[in-house]
Amino acid sequence: MNVFLPLRKLQTLLICSIFMNISLLALAADPSLLIKDLGEGHCLVRVNTTQKYLLLPVEDASPDVRISMIADNKEVKSFDVRLAINKVDYFVPVDLSDYSGKLVSFKFKMNSNDPVRVNLSPDNTACCREMKLSDTFDTTNREKFRPVYHFSPLYGWMNDPNGMVYKDGEYHLFYQHNPYGSKWGNMSWGHATSTDLLHWTRLPVAMLPDEEGTIFSGCGLTNEHRDEIQAAADSNLYRSLPKDALLFFYTAAGGSHDSACSEGKDYTQHTAYSTDHGLTLQKLPGAVVPFIKTDNRDPKVYWHEKSKAFIMSLYLKGTEYAILRSTDMLHWEITQQLTFETANECPDLRPISAPDGTEKWIFYTASSEYFIGDFDGFRFTNYSAGKRASYTEIAYAGQTYNNAPDRIVLIQWLRTQNPERLYTGMLTLPRELELIKQDGEWILAQHPVHEWFDAKKAANTLFHAADTTSCQAELTSPAAVGIDVSLGSTGKVSFSILGNVCAYDAATGIFTCADKATQLPAGLTELHLIADRGILELSAKQDTVIAYWELPDDRTCGTITVNADTPICAEAWTVR
């Protein structure tokens, strides 16, 4: 007969009870935490507490365990966690605050066919010893190598930026997030805000998976055009929301991506709204855009003033995209399907002003490839070959802000590895987009946001020299480092940045970083580098040449040197 016992006496039986058919109870250090083995790779954890968090120990090398949270006899959420078997890499929290004083159960289930399961024993299941309840979860920025100005999650995985909208002095950043581990999974929307695009306040997770699927990429916009939204026969909620509400479109990603409750459902496009400045997002029932093609996802919506309609760019599959149009935000019509042979995912179709005063439209894709053309409210006419906005592939899934005042701000995901840390992934420094003409063609320039240059004015200079071949300085405390170099069109210059060696050969255009060679244009005479601990950004040629690298040695202090084979001008500075 199965009985509940205090976990204090049998600390080693939690994970084995999950994975092995042992009809015993695993016991917790806290009497409010009770674990019962159900056999066949099943385990039940019962929590009766007023404490805020259940802290789950994670080991990234372990297989996933499906965890279902049950309250009032119904499942309220489900997610996967790589529960620790041999060692604890870090903890992830499950927020219990909405269920304080109630009995909450967690059902653990591991794939019974997983070969790892048969090799487990009570002696090496770290989760048994470490699972605990707590009123706090340490989310301090304690990792010494975390970047200063490149946004990263406090913990867990991140990828695409989402829902980017400016409202009332705040830049809202939502992002693809796994709050239960530093590997991809459990796709949700994380949330942060900033007033200057450099310093961020991280907020609770905004949207979690539900019966429709995990929460994939999407966009945010204001409700300022409420009065221009056409009424629908079924009463239009958007017209009833206040003008200061925030509206969101996102993809519900069906059961093919780790949402067991949505198994068999297709990818569909959904909406949500917020009336409390983005702190909570209320999902609306039903899909506003039903299934179209295999992977249809990543909706990006803008108001098109000339035709008085909302325009959605949407990824379909492979290299295929669609443009949809709506006057009520409820009913959407496909007005065009496009194919860009070398592009992929995350479309962003939006207007951009040229220096000659004309309005152009840019179609930006996840692979940093963009196309310039015209748009009449129904169809995009491309009159340029695709161009790459980034010379390296680490930057991906860029999106621009809706409603940003007097500028277009782009942020991209940096596909960093971040080994053995509480988090994986970070974002680029926000950049302002501008069209400039080079060799008779319109080219996209990406300038660091003006707030970065404001910070530079107050920066500490490491060295500033003209007509020299060598500069050196010591960085004695953690900071982001900027390096500006002017060189001849055929010169060579090398950099040593806190243990990382990089070099550019102007004659060939080869830039070498971390033993990887990247082909940049030859003859670049102005190089601008930003080294923010584990990431290096390069811009050149009026910021039309952009590249990113992950630095393998991301120490926070040390020597910075610049050496050249011919005289150069060089400056280095820090921003803390």
Protein backbone atom coordinates (compact mmCIF):
# COMPACT_ATOMS: atom_id res chain seq x y z
CA MET A 1 0.00 0.00 0.00
CA ASN A 2 1.29 3.45 -0.88
CA VAL A 3 1.53 5.93 1.95
CA PHE A 4 2.84 9.52 2.13
CA LEU A 5 5.94 10.07 4.24
CA PRO A 6 8.03 13.17 5.00
CA LEU A 7 10.68 13.60 2.32
CA ARG A 8 13.28 14.34 5.04
CA LYS A 9 13.85 10.65 5.76
CA LEU A 10 14.29 9.39 2.22
CA GLN A 11 16.01 12.12 0.33
CA THR A 12 17.28 9.95 -2.50
CA LEU A 13 14.09 8.56 -4.01
CA LEU A 14 12.49 11.36 -6.02
CA ILE A 15 13.91 10.90 -9.48
CA CYS A 16 14.06 7.13 -9.25
CA SER A 17 10.38 7.13 -8.36
CA ILE A 18 9.79 9.17 -11.51
CA PHE A 19 11.65 6.84 -13.78
CA MET A 20 11.53 3.42 -12.11
CA ASN A 21 8.58 1.33 -10.97
CA ILE A 22 9.28 1.46 -7.26
CA SER A 23 6.14 1.59 -5.09
CA LEU A 24 7.67 3.75 -2.42
CA LEU A 25 7.42 7.42 -1.59
CA ALA A 26 10.25 9.87 -2.17
CA LEU A 27 10.47 12.31 0.70
CA ALA A 28 11.23 16.01 0.75
CA ALA A 29 13.12 18.14 3.23
CA ASP A 30 9.97 20.22 3.58
CA PRO A 31 6.88 18.42 4.99
CA SER A 32 4.71 20.49 2.63
CA LEU A 33 6.27 18.60 -0.27
CA LEU A 34 5.14 14.99 -0.70
CA ILE A 35 6.05 12.65 -3.55
CA LYS A 36 4.33 9.43 -4.52
CA ASP A 37 5.50 6.95 -7.11
CA LEU A 38 2.71 5.88 -9.49
CA GLY A 39 4.77 3.37 -11.47
CA GLU A 40 5.58 3.18 -15.17
CA GLY A 41 7.61 6.35 -15.16
CA HIS A 42 4.95 8.37 -13.34
CA CYS A 43 5.27 10.35 -10.13
CA LEU A 44 2.93 12.63 -8.16
CA VAL A 45 4.21 15.61 -6.16
CA ARG A 46 1.76 17.25 -3.75
CA VAL A 47 2.34 20.74 -2.41
CA ASN A 48 0.35 22.40 0.36
CA THR A 49 2.13 25.62 1.17
CA THR A 50 1.99 29.41 1.28
CA GLN A 51 5.51 29.66 -0.12
CA LYS A 52 5.80 31.30 -3.53
CA TYR A 53 7.99 28.89 -5.52
CA LEU A 54 8.64 25.25 -6.12
CA LEU A 55 12.30 25.16 -7.15
CA LEU A 56 13.07 22.36 -9.59
CA PRO A 57 16.70 21.23 -10.01
CA VAL A 58 17.81 21.04 -13.63
CA GLU A 59 20.56 19.07 -15.34
CA ASP A 60 20.85 20.03 -18.99
CA ALA A 61 22.20 16.60 -19.97
CA SER A 62 19.14 14.79 -18.57
CA PRO A 63 16.12 13.82 -20.67
CA ASP A 64 12.93 15.86 -20.50
CA VAL A 65 10.24 15.10 -17.95
CA ARG A 66 6.71 16.28 -18.74
CA ILE A 67 5.26 18.07 -15.68
CA SER A 68 1.55 18.79 -15.38
CA MET A 69 0.41 21.23 -12.69
CA ILE A 70 -3.03 20.41 -11.27
CA ALA A 71 -5.16 22.72 -9.11
CA ASP A 72 -8.83 22.34 -8.23
CA ASN A 73 -8.80 18.99 -10.05
CA LYS A 74 -7.82 20.47 -13.41
CA GLU A 75 -4.58 20.95 -15.28
CA VAL A 76 -3.56 24.62 -15.20
CA LYS A 77 -0.26 24.31 -17.04
CA SER A 78 2.08 21.76 -18.56
CA PHE A 79 5.77 22.01 -19.38
CA ASP A 80 8.99 20.00 -19.80
CA VAL A 81 11.96 20.10 -17.42
CA ARG A 82 15.29 18.29 -17.62
CA LEU A 83 15.19 17.20 -13.97
CA ALA A 84 18.60 16.66 -12.39
CA ILE A 85 19.83 13.09 -12.15
CA ASN A 86 23.58 13.30 -11.52
CA LYS A 87 24.16 16.94 -10.67
CA VAL A 88 22.31 20.22 -10.38
CA ASP A 89 23.26 22.77 -13.02
CA TYR A 90 20.74 25.33 -11.82
CA PHE A 91 17.19 25.72 -10.50
CA VAL A 92 14.04 26.91 -12.26
CA PRO A 93 11.02 28.25 -10.36
CA VAL A 94 7.38 27.27 -10.64
CA ASP A 95 5.29 30.15 -9.34
CA LEU A 96 2.71 28.99 -6.76
CA SER A 97 1.54 32.44 -5.66
CA ASP A 98 -1.89 32.11 -7.34
CA TYR A 99 -2.54 28.95 -5.33
CA SER A 100 -1.34 29.98 -1.87
CA GLY A 101 -2.78 27.75 0.84
CA LYS A 102 -4.29 25.35 -1.68
CA LEU A 103 -3.37 21.77 -2.45
CA VAL A 104 -1.49 21.72 -5.74
CA SER A 105 -0.30 18.56 -7.45
CA PHE A 106 2.40 18.02 -10.02
CA LYS A 107 2.32 14.92 -12.18
CA PHE A 108 5.72 13.92 -13.52
CA LYS A 109 5.92 11.68 -16.55
CA MET A 110 8.97 10.51 -18.44
CA ASN A 111 8.95 8.69 -21.73
CA SER A 112 8.94 5.05 -20.69
CA ASN A 113 11.06 4.20 -23.73
CA ASP A 114 13.88 6.54 -22.78
CA PRO A 115 17.04 4.42 -22.50
CA VAL A 116 18.42 6.58 -19.69
CA ARG A 117 15.64 5.52 -17.36
CA VAL A 118 16.90 1.99 -16.78
CA ASN A 119 20.32 3.25 -15.68
CA LEU A 120 19.05 5.37 -12.77
CA SER A 121 19.44 4.50 -9.13
CA PRO A 122 18.48 6.16 -5.84
CA ASP A 123 22.13 6.94 -5.20
CA ASN A 124 22.63 9.42 -8.02
CA THR A 125 19.37 11.26 -8.36
CA ALA A 126 20.33 14.82 -7.46
CA CYS A 127 16.76 16.06 -7.75
CA CYS A 128 15.82 13.97 -4.70
CA ARG A 129 18.20 15.89 -2.53
CA GLU A 130 17.64 19.38 -3.92
CA MET A 131 13.98 20.00 -4.84
CA LYS A 132 12.58 22.58 -2.42
CA LEU A 133 10.02 25.24 -1.65
CA SER A 134 11.01 28.86 -1.21
CA ASP A 135 9.64 32.39 -1.01
CA THR A 136 12.50 33.69 -3.13
CA PHE A 137 14.29 32.79 -6.33
CA ASP A 138 17.71 34.29 -6.83
CA THR A 139 17.59 36.17 -10.12
CA THR A 140 20.43 38.55 -9.41
CA ASN A 141 22.81 39.24 -12.23
CA ARG A 142 25.46 37.13 -10.59
CA GLU A 143 27.06 35.63 -13.66
CA LYS A 144 30.22 37.62 -14.07
CA PHE A 145 30.24 37.24 -17.84
CA ARG A 146 26.72 38.49 -18.52
CA PRO A 147 26.82 41.32 -21.11
CA VAL A 148 26.26 44.89 -19.98
CA TYR A 149 24.26 46.30 -22.90
CA HIS A 150 23.12 43.22 -24.80
CA PHE A 151 19.85 42.07 -23.29
CA SER A 152 19.74 38.54 -21.90
CA PRO A 153 17.12 36.72 -19.80
CA LEU A 154 17.71 36.37 -16.09
CA TYR A 155 17.51 32.62 -16.58
CA GLY A 156 16.32 30.14 -19.16
CA TRP A 157 16.41 30.13 -22.94
CA MET A 158 15.61 33.04 -25.25
CA ASN A 159 15.37 33.46 -29.00
CA ASP A 160 13.30 35.78 -31.22
CA PRO A 161 12.31 39.25 -30.03
CA ASN A 162 8.49 39.60 -30.14
CA GLY A 163 5.71 42.06 -29.52
CA MET A 164 7.99 45.10 -29.74
CA VAL A 165 5.92 48.24 -29.21
CA TYR A 166 6.55 51.72 -27.78
CA LYS A 167 3.93 53.31 -25.55
CA ASP A 168 4.00 56.21 -23.07
CA GLY A 169 7.77 56.48 -22.82
CA GLU A 170 8.41 52.72 -22.54
CA TYR A 171 9.85 50.30 -25.04
CA HIS A 172 8.18 46.93 -24.49
CA LEU A 173 10.29 43.93 -25.41
CA PHE A 174 8.73 40.49 -25.46
CA TYR A 175 10.78 37.51 -26.52
CA GLN A 176 10.65 33.78 -27.13
CA HIS A 177 11.46 32.24 -23.78
CA ASN A 178 11.75 28.91 -22.00
CA PRO A 179 11.25 29.72 -18.30
CA TYR A 180 12.02 26.12 -17.31
CA GLY A 181 15.51 25.60 -18.71
CA SER A 182 18.36 26.98 -20.80
CA LYS A 183 17.50 24.77 -23.79
CA TRP A 184 14.79 25.45 -26.37
CA GLY A 185 11.29 24.36 -25.31
CA ASN A 186 8.10 25.44 -23.56
CA MET A 187 7.91 28.46 -25.87
CA SER A 188 6.45 31.40 -23.98
CA TRP A 189 6.73 35.19 -24.12
CA GLY A 190 9.19 36.77 -21.72
CA HIS A 191 8.82 40.49 -21.06
CA ALA A 192 11.05 43.48 -20.31
CA THR A 193 10.72 47.25 -20.57
CA SER A 194 13.15 50.12 -21.07
CA THR A 195 13.04 53.89 -21.35
CA ASP A 196 16.37 54.16 -23.19
CA LEU A 197 16.85 50.80 -24.99
CA LEU A 198 20.02 50.19 -22.98
CA HIS A 199 18.80 49.48 -19.44
CA TRP A 200 16.01 46.95 -19.02
CA THR A 201 13.54 46.01 -16.31
CA ARG A 202 12.71 42.31 -16.53
CA LEU A 203 9.09 41.44 -15.79
CA PRO A 204 7.16 38.18 -15.23
CA VAL A 205 6.47 35.85 -18.14
CA ALA A 206 3.68 37.41 -20.21
CA MET A 207 2.18 34.39 -22.04
CA LEU A 208 2.46 30.66 -21.45
CA PRO A 209 1.43 27.70 -23.63
CA ASP A 210 -2.19 26.62 -23.55
CA GLU A 211 -4.53 24.13 -25.24
CA GLU A 212 -3.93 25.89 -28.58
CA GLY A 213 -0.18 25.35 -28.46
CA THR A 214 3.08 26.93 -27.46
CA ILE A 215 3.44 30.68 -27.99
CA PHE A 216 5.56 31.43 -31.03
CA SER A 217 6.65 34.77 -32.47
CA GLY A 218 4.42 37.76 -33.09
CA CYS A 219 4.09 41.51 -32.78
CA GLY A 220 2.61 44.32 -30.70
CA LEU A 221 0.87 47.56 -31.63
CA THR A 222 -1.16 50.29 -29.99
CA ASN A 223 -4.91 50.69 -30.23
CA GLU A 224 -4.61 54.31 -31.39
CA HIS A 225 -6.58 53.53 -34.58
CA ARG A 226 -9.55 52.16 -32.63
CA ASP A 227 -12.03 54.62 -34.10
CA GLU A 228 -10.98 53.68 -37.64
CA ILE A 229 -11.54 49.97 -37.10
CA GLN A 230 -14.67 48.90 -38.89
CA ALA A 231 -17.41 47.42 -36.77
CA ALA A 232 -18.20 43.78 -37.35
CA ALA A 233 -21.52 42.04 -37.13
CA ASP A 234 -20.30 40.09 -34.15
CA SER A 235 -19.37 43.22 -32.11
CA ASN A 236 -15.75 44.26 -32.36
CA LEU A 237 -13.86 43.99 -29.09
CA TYR A 238 -11.02 46.15 -30.36
CA ARG A 239 -13.39 49.12 -30.73
CA SER A 240 -14.44 48.69 -27.11
CA LEU A 241 -10.90 48.67 -25.75
CA PRO A 242 -9.35 51.99 -24.67
CA LYS A 243 -7.03 53.78 -27.06
CA ASP A 244 -4.11 53.24 -24.69
CA ALA A 245 -4.54 49.46 -24.83
CA LEU A 246 -1.80 47.33 -26.36
CA LEU A 247 -2.72 44.72 -28.98
CA PHE A 248 -0.72 41.60 -29.79
CA PHE A 249 -0.67 39.01 -32.56
CA TYR A 250 1.09 35.67 -32.08
CA THR A 251 1.29 32.14 -33.42
CA ALA A 252 -0.22 29.26 -31.47
CA ALA A 253 2.10 26.47 -32.52
CA GLY A 254 -0.06 23.36 -32.30
CA GLY A 255 1.01 20.03 -30.84
CA SER A 256 4.11 19.48 -32.92
CA HIS A 257 6.15 21.67 -30.57
CA ASP A 258 6.06 20.27 -27.03
CA SER A 259 2.44 21.09 -26.17
CA ALA A 260 0.81 17.75 -25.51
CA CYS A 261 -2.63 19.26 -24.89
CA SER A 262 -2.65 20.73 -28.41
CA GLU A 263 -1.56 17.58 -30.21
CA GLY A 264 -3.00 17.37 -33.69
CA LYS A 265 -3.71 21.10 -34.00
CA ASP A 266 -2.30 23.30 -36.73
CA TYR A 267 -0.33 26.53 -36.49
CA THR A 268 -2.83 29.41 -36.29
CA GLN A 269 -2.61 33.15 -35.61
CA HIS A 270 -4.15 34.55 -32.43
CA THR A 271 -4.56 37.84 -30.61
CA ALA A 272 -4.20 39.17 -27.09
CA TYR A 273 -4.49 42.57 -25.46
CA SER A 274 -3.33 44.48 -22.41
CA THR A 275 -5.00 47.35 -20.57
CA ASP A 276 -2.36 47.60 -17.81
CA HIS A 277 0.64 48.79 -19.81
CA GLY A 278 1.68 45.30 -20.87
CA LEU A 279 1.95 43.78 -17.38
CA THR A 280 -0.72 41.18 -18.17
CA LEU A 281 -1.82 39.92 -21.58
CA GLN A 282 -5.34 38.61 -22.06
CA LYS A 283 -5.68 36.05 -24.83
CA LEU A 284 -8.74 36.27 -27.05
CA PRO A 285 -10.50 33.00 -27.94
CA GLY A 286 -10.25 31.56 -31.40
CA ALA A 287 -7.86 32.14 -34.27
CA VAL A 288 -8.03 35.35 -36.33
CA VAL A 289 -6.08 33.69 -39.17
CA PRO A 290 -6.72 29.96 -39.66
CA PHE A 291 -4.18 27.50 -40.96
CA ILE A 292 -2.81 28.37 -44.42
CA LYS A 293 0.35 26.29 -44.99
CA THR A 294 2.66 23.96 -43.09
CA ASP A 295 4.57 26.38 -40.87
CA ASN A 296 2.56 29.60 -41.14
CA ARG A 297 3.75 31.80 -38.28
CA ASP A 298 5.38 35.04 -37.12
CA PRO A 299 2.64 37.62 -37.85
CA LYS A 300 3.80 41.27 -38.08
CA VAL A 301 0.98 43.84 -38.24
CA TYR A 302 1.05 47.54 -39.14
CA TRP A 303 -1.60 50.16 -39.72
CA HIS A 304 -1.48 51.34 -43.35
CA GLU A 305 -2.66 54.92 -43.27
CA LYS A 306 -3.15 55.45 -47.02
CA SER A 307 -5.58 52.55 -47.44
CA LYS A 308 -7.02 52.69 -43.90
CA ALA A 309 -6.37 49.04 -43.14
CA PHE A 310 -4.20 46.74 -41.07
CA ILE A 311 -1.52 44.86 -42.98
CA MET A 312 -0.05 41.55 -41.81
CA SER A 313 3.12 39.97 -43.19
CA LEU A 314 3.21 36.24 -42.42
CA TYR A 315 5.69 33.43 -42.96
CA LEU A 316 4.16 30.37 -44.68
CA LYS A 317 6.80 27.70 -45.31
CA GLY A 318 10.23 27.30 -46.86
CA THR A 319 10.86 30.60 -48.61
CA GLU A 320 7.18 31.53 -48.96
CA TYR A 321 5.41 34.49 -47.34
CA ALA A 322 1.97 36.10 -47.48
CA ILE A 323 0.56 39.59 -47.07
CA LEU A 324 -2.90 39.84 -45.50
CA ARG A 325 -5.25 42.78 -45.07
CA SER A 326 -8.03 43.59 -42.61
CA THR A 327 -10.20 46.59 -41.79
CA ASP A 328 -11.62 45.16 -38.56
CA MET A 329 -8.70 43.07 -37.21
CA LEU A 330 -11.02 40.07 -37.12
CA HIS A 331 -11.30 39.03 -40.77
CA TRP A 332 -8.14 38.78 -42.85
CA GLU A 333 -7.78 38.38 -46.61
CA ILE A 334 -4.63 37.23 -48.38
CA THR A 335 -3.74 39.89 -50.95
CA GLN A 336 -0.37 38.52 -52.06
CA GLN A 337 1.90 35.50 -51.74
CA LEU A 338 5.63 36.01 -52.25
CA THR A 339 8.73 33.87 -52.54
CA PHE A 340 12.23 35.03 -51.63
CA GLU A 341 14.54 32.18 -52.53
CA THR A 342 17.20 32.79 -49.87
CA ALA A 343 15.07 34.22 -47.06
CA ASN A 344 13.41 32.48 -44.15
CA GLU A 345 10.91 33.21 -41.33
CA CYS A 346 9.98 36.32 -39.32
CA PRO A 347 8.86 38.82 -41.98
CA ASP A 348 8.73 42.53 -41.21
CA LEU A 349 7.11 44.69 -43.90
CA ARG A 350 7.14 48.36 -43.07
CA PRO A 351 7.64 51.84 -44.56
CA ILE A 352 10.96 53.66 -44.38
CA SER A 353 11.71 57.20 -45.53
CA ALA A 354 14.53 57.87 -47.96
CA PRO A 355 16.74 60.96 -47.65
CA ASP A 356 15.13 62.40 -50.80
CA GLY A 357 11.79 62.52 -48.99
CA THR A 358 10.21 59.59 -50.81
CA GLU A 359 8.61 56.67 -48.97
CA LYS A 360 10.03 53.23 -49.60
CA TRP A 361 9.01 49.91 -48.12
CA ILE A 362 11.36 47.33 -46.71
CA PHE A 363 10.66 43.61 -46.40
CA TYR A 364 13.02 42.31 -43.70
CA THR A 365 13.44 38.56 -42.99
CA ALA A 366 14.88 36.42 -40.20
CA SER A 367 18.05 35.63 -42.14
CA SER A 368 18.90 39.38 -42.19
CA GLU A 369 18.07 39.52 -45.88
CA TYR A 370 16.01 42.53 -46.91
CA PHE A 371 14.25 43.80 -50.01
CA ILE A 372 13.36 47.41 -50.90
CA GLY A 373 10.31 48.29 -52.94
CA ASP A 374 6.84 49.87 -52.94
CA PHE A 375 3.59 48.86 -51.27
CA ASP A 376 0.08 50.01 -52.23
CA GLY A 377 -1.84 48.51 -49.33
CA PHE A 378 -2.32 45.20 -51.13
CA ARG A 379 0.90 44.15 -52.84
CA PHE A 380 4.61 44.61 -52.26
CA THR A 381 6.56 45.39 -55.44
CA ASN A 382 10.22 44.55 -55.02
CA TYR A 383 12.65 46.51 -57.17
CA SER A 384 15.95 45.43 -55.65
CA ALA A 385 17.84 42.22 -55.26
CA GLY A 386 17.99 40.88 -51.74
CA LYS A 387 20.79 42.25 -49.61
CA ARG A 388 22.26 41.00 -46.36
CA ALA A 389 22.05 43.31 -43.38
CA SER A 390 24.55 41.15 -41.46
CA TYR A 391 27.70 39.45 -42.72
CA THR A 392 27.55 36.75 -40.05
CA GLU A 393 24.76 34.27 -39.30
CA ILE A 394 24.73 34.57 -35.53
CA ALA A 395 22.24 37.48 -35.76
CA TYR A 396 18.75 36.21 -36.62
CA ALA A 397 15.02 36.92 -36.45
CA GLY A 398 15.26 40.70 -36.34
CA GLN A 399 12.15 42.77 -35.66
CA THR A 400 11.44 46.49 -35.57
CA TYR A 401 9.46 48.48 -33.02
CA ASN A 402 5.93 49.56 -33.71
CA ASN A 403 5.16 53.15 -32.83
CA ALA A 404 8.74 54.17 -31.96
CA PRO A 405 8.88 57.97 -32.06
CA ASP A 406 10.64 59.45 -35.10
CA ARG A 407 12.84 56.43 -35.82
CA ILE A 408 12.88 52.75 -36.80
CA VAL A 409 14.58 50.55 -34.20
CA LEU A 410 15.70 46.99 -35.04
CA ILE A 411 16.70 44.31 -32.52
CA GLN A 412 17.93 40.82 -33.47
CA TRP A 413 18.45 37.59 -31.58
CA LEU A 414 22.08 36.53 -31.18
CA ARG A 415 22.37 32.74 -31.38
CA THR A 416 25.02 32.41 -28.68
CA GLN A 417 25.92 29.19 -26.89
CA ASN A 418 26.49 30.52 -23.36
CA PRO A 419 27.83 27.16 -22.10
CA GLU A 420 27.12 26.12 -18.52
CA ARG A 421 25.13 29.19 -17.59
CA LEU A 422 21.68 29.87 -16.24
CA TYR A 423 20.67 31.37 -19.57
CA THR A 424 21.17 30.93 -23.29
CA GLY A 425 20.84 33.65 -25.91
CA MET A 426 21.00 37.41 -25.99
CA LEU A 427 19.96 40.29 -28.26
CA THR A 428 21.89 42.73 -30.39
CA LEU A 429 22.43 46.30 -29.40
CA PRO A 430 19.32 48.13 -30.70
CA ARG A 431 20.03 49.92 -33.97
CA GLU A 432 18.24 52.66 -35.89
CA LEU A 433 17.53 51.95 -39.56
CA GLU A 434 18.20 54.44 -42.34
CA LEU A 435 18.31 54.26 -46.12
CA ILE A 436 21.39 55.69 -47.78
CA LYS A 437 22.54 55.55 -51.38
CA GLN A 438 25.77 53.76 -52.29
CA ASP A 439 26.83 53.19 -55.87
CA GLY A 440 23.40 54.28 -57.10
CA GLU A 441 21.50 51.80 -54.89
CA TRP A 442 19.48 52.21 -51.73
CA ILE A 443 21.27 50.43 -48.88
CA LEU A 444 20.09 49.83 -45.34
CA ALA A 445 22.27 51.39 -42.65
CA GLN A 446 22.05 50.29 -39.02
CA HIS A 447 23.30 52.88 -36.55
CA PRO A 448 23.52 52.18 -32.82
CA VAL A 449 20.63 53.97 -31.11
CA HIS A 450 21.43 57.56 -30.17
CA GLU A 451 21.25 56.61 -26.49
CA TRP A 452 24.42 54.59 -27.05
CA PHE A 453 26.25 57.67 -28.27
CA ASP A 454 24.88 59.61 -25.30
CA ALA A 455 26.45 56.97 -23.07
CA LYS A 456 29.67 57.22 -25.05
CA LYS A 457 29.93 60.93 -24.23
CA ALA A 458 30.20 60.01 -20.56
CA ALA A 459 32.52 57.07 -21.20
CA ASN A 460 36.02 56.59 -19.88
CA THR A 461 38.76 56.82 -22.49
CA LEU A 462 41.27 53.95 -22.50
CA PHE A 463 43.48 55.39 -25.26
CA HIS A 464 43.25 57.94 -28.05
CA ALA A 465 46.11 58.15 -30.54
CA ALA A 466 46.77 59.35 -34.07
CA ASP A 467 49.46 58.31 -36.53
CA THR A 468 50.44 55.25 -34.52
CA THR A 469 50.92 51.55 -35.10
CA SER A 470 50.28 50.31 -31.58
CA CYS A 471 47.98 51.14 -28.65
CA GLN A 472 47.42 49.33 -25.38
CA ALA A 473 45.36 49.76 -22.21
CA GLU A 474 44.21 47.76 -19.21
CA LEU A 475 40.57 47.21 -18.38
CA THR A 476 40.46 46.84 -14.60
CA SER A 477 36.71 46.52 -14.00
CA PRO A 478 33.86 44.99 -16.05
CA ALA A 479 32.51 47.22 -18.81
CA ALA A 480 31.49 47.30 -22.45
CA VAL A 481 34.40 48.40 -24.65
CA GLY A 482 34.23 50.46 -27.83
CA ILE A 483 37.13 50.62 -30.29
CA ASP A 484 37.21 52.97 -33.30
CA VAL A 485 39.99 52.62 -35.90
CA SER A 486 40.83 54.56 -39.06
CA LEU A 487 43.23 52.77 -41.41
CA GLY A 488 44.44 52.76 -44.99
CA SER A 489 42.49 50.97 -47.71
CA THR A 490 45.14 48.22 -47.94
CA GLY A 491 46.33 48.08 -44.34
CA LYS A 492 46.18 45.33 -41.76
CA VAL A 493 45.06 45.83 -38.19
CA SER A 494 44.78 43.36 -35.32
CA PHE A 495 42.97 43.55 -31.99
CA SER A 496 43.48 41.72 -28.72
CA ILE A 497 40.36 42.20 -26.61
CA LEU A 498 40.55 40.59 -23.19
CA GLY A 499 42.18 37.46 -24.55
CA ASN A 500 40.34 37.40 -27.91
CA VAL A 501 42.45 37.98 -31.03
CA CYS A 502 40.82 39.52 -34.12
CA ALA A 503 42.26 40.98 -37.31
CA TYR A 504 41.16 42.75 -40.50
CA ASP A 505 43.03 42.76 -43.80
CA ALA A 506 41.77 45.69 -45.86
CA ALA A 507 43.38 44.34 -49.03
CA THR A 508 41.35 41.10 -48.96
CA GLY A 509 38.40 42.06 -46.74
CA ILE A 510 38.99 39.05 -44.46
CA PHE A 511 38.11 39.59 -40.81
CA THR A 512 39.32 36.86 -38.46
CA CYS A 513 37.81 36.36 -35.03
CA ALA A 514 38.14 33.32 -32.78
CA ASP A 515 39.98 31.52 -35.59
CA LYS A 516 36.99 31.99 -37.91
CA ALA A 517 37.41 33.97 -41.13
CA THR A 518 34.54 36.15 -42.35
CA GLN A 519 34.50 37.78 -45.76
CA LEU A 520 33.78 41.48 -45.41
CA PRO A 521 34.14 44.09 -48.18
CA ALA A 522 37.74 44.97 -48.97
CA GLY A 523 39.02 48.48 -48.47
CA LEU A 524 37.12 49.38 -45.30
CA THR A 525 38.85 52.39 -43.79
CA GLU A 526 36.69 52.96 -40.68
CA LEU A 527 36.03 50.14 -38.21
CA HIS A 528 33.79 50.47 -35.15
CA LEU A 529 33.88 47.64 -32.62
CA ILE A 530 31.76 47.07 -29.53
CA ALA A 531 32.93 44.27 -27.22
CA ASP A 532 30.40 43.48 -24.51
CA ARG A 533 31.94 40.57 -22.64
CA GLY A 534 30.95 37.54 -24.70
CA ILE A 535 29.84 39.32 -27.87
CA LEU A 536 31.62 41.46 -30.49
CA GLU A 537 29.78 43.81 -32.88
CA LEU A 538 31.45 45.40 -35.91
CA SER A 539 30.13 48.16 -38.13
CA ALA A 540 31.75 49.94 -41.07
CA LYS A 541 31.04 51.90 -44.23
CA GLN A 542 28.44 54.24 -42.69
CA ASP A 543 27.04 51.28 -40.71
CA THR A 544 26.02 49.43 -43.88
CA VAL A 545 28.48 46.63 -43.04
CA ILE A 546 27.42 44.85 -39.84
CA ALA A 547 28.81 41.65 -38.31
CA TYR A 548 28.65 39.80 -34.98
CA TRP A 549 30.78 37.15 -33.27
CA GLU A 550 30.54 35.26 -30.00
CA LEU A 551 33.84 35.63 -28.13
CA PRO A 552 35.11 32.35 -26.69
CA ASP A 553 37.13 34.06 -23.96
CA ASP A 554 34.71 36.40 -22.26
CA ARG A 555 36.77 37.48 -19.28
CA THR A 556 35.71 40.79 -17.78
CA CYS A 557 39.12 42.41 -17.23
CA GLY A 558 42.49 42.41 -18.94
CA THR A 559 44.49 43.93 -21.78
CA ILE A 560 43.17 45.66 -24.88
CA THR A 561 45.61 46.26 -27.73
CA VAL A 562 45.45 47.50 -31.31
CA ASN A 563 48.36 46.88 -33.72
CA ALA A 564 48.70 47.81 -37.39
CA ASP A 565 51.25 47.48 -40.16
CA THR A 566 50.83 51.14 -41.16
CA PRO A 567 49.98 54.24 -39.13
CA ILE A 568 46.37 54.41 -37.93
CA CYS A 569 44.12 56.49 -35.70
CA ALA A 570 42.65 54.51 -32.80
CA GLU A 571 40.43 55.19 -29.82
CA ALA A 572 39.14 52.86 -27.11
CA TRP A 573 36.62 53.67 -24.41
CA THR A 574 34.41 52.00 -21.83
CA VAL A 575 30.76 52.30 -20.90
CA ARG A 576 29.70 50.86 -17.56
